[in-house]
């Protein structure tokens, strides 16, 4: 956690572990989302398995929208 928040362990003693974990997970999500957006249609490297799943779903939706736009089903 100290690496994530750039602090000393003593500075986190009074903080809620649940809150710290939620913040760390949201930061990871935001970083992964930035990589996904920057990668366009290529799967970005360095994302977690759960984010790779999300990337796959994003690509599936894009493909479905493209098919609908082009007159497919």
Protein backbone atom coordinates (compact mmCIF):
# COMPACT_ATOMS: atom_id res chain seq x y z
CA UNK A 1 0.00 0.00 0.00
CA UNK A 2 2.83 2.38 0.73
CA UNK A 3 4.05 2.12 -2.85
CA UNK A 4 0.55 2.86 -4.14
CA UNK A 5 0.11 5.89 -1.91
CA UNK A 6 3.76 7.01 -1.78
CA UNK A 7 3.88 7.20 1.99
CA UNK A 8 5.39 5.62 5.07
CA UNK A 9 3.61 2.70 6.78
CA UNK A 10 3.04 4.83 9.88
CA UNK A 11 1.00 7.26 7.79
CA UNK A 12 -1.54 4.53 6.94
CA UNK A 13 -2.06 3.14 10.44
CA UNK A 14 -5.27 5.09 11.08
CA UNK A 15 -6.79 4.49 7.65
CA UNK A 16 -9.48 1.93 6.89
CA UNK A 17 -7.94 -1.12 5.17
CA UNK A 18 -11.15 -1.57 3.15
CA UNK A 19 -11.05 2.00 1.92
CA UNK A 20 -7.36 1.76 1.01
CA UNK A 21 -8.00 -1.44 -0.95
CA UNK A 22 -10.93 0.11 -2.82
CA UNK A 23 -8.84 3.14 -3.74
CA UNK A 24 -5.95 0.93 -4.89
CA UNK A 25 -8.30 -1.17 -7.04
CA UNK A 26 -9.90 1.91 -8.57
CA UNK A 27 -6.47 3.33 -9.38
CA UNK A 28 -5.51 0.04 -11.03
CA UNK A 29 -8.73 0.13 -13.03
CA UNK A 30 -8.06 3.72 -14.15
CA UNK A 31 -4.50 2.88 -15.25
CA UNK A 32 -5.70 -0.20 -17.12
CA UNK A 33 -8.52 1.77 -18.76
CA UNK A 34 -6.03 4.35 -19.98
CA UNK A 35 -3.93 1.56 -21.53
CA UNK A 36 -7.02 0.05 -23.17
CA UNK A 37 -8.08 3.41 -24.61
CA UNK A 38 -4.58 4.17 -25.87
CA UNK A 39 -4.21 0.75 -27.49
CA UNK A 40 -7.21 1.16 -29.76
CA UNK A 41 -8.08 -2.20 -31.29
CA UNK A 42 -4.91 -3.96 -30.07
CA UNK A 43 -4.96 -5.66 -26.69
CA UNK A 44 -2.66 -3.65 -24.44
CA UNK A 45 0.18 -5.32 -22.61
CA UNK A 46 0.57 -5.11 -18.87
CA UNK A 47 -3.09 -5.25 -17.87
CA UNK A 48 -4.54 -7.62 -15.32
CA UNK A 49 -6.49 -10.71 -16.41
CA UNK A 50 -9.74 -9.10 -15.31
CA UNK A 51 -8.99 -6.03 -17.40
CA UNK A 52 -8.13 -8.27 -20.35
CA UNK A 53 -11.64 -9.72 -20.01
CA UNK A 54 -13.11 -6.22 -20.02
CA UNK A 55 -11.02 -5.33 -23.09
CA UNK A 56 -12.44 -8.40 -24.84
CA UNK A 57 -15.97 -7.31 -24.04
CA UNK A 58 -15.29 -3.77 -25.26
CA UNK A 59 -14.00 -5.17 -28.55
CA UNK A 60 -17.05 -7.46 -28.89
CA UNK A 61 -19.39 -4.48 -28.45
CA UNK A 62 -17.39 -2.40 -30.95
CA UNK A 63 -17.59 -5.21 -33.49
CA UNK A 64 -21.35 -5.58 -32.96
CA UNK A 65 -21.87 -1.84 -33.42
CA UNK A 66 -19.75 -1.83 -36.56
CA UNK A 67 -21.76 -4.72 -37.97
CA UNK A 68 -25.04 -2.91 -37.25
CA UNK A 69 -23.74 0.30 -38.83
CA UNK A 70 -22.74 -1.58 -41.97
CA UNK A 71 -26.18 -3.17 -42.27
CA UNK A 72 -25.32 -6.53 -40.70
CA UNK A 73 -27.03 -8.06 -37.73
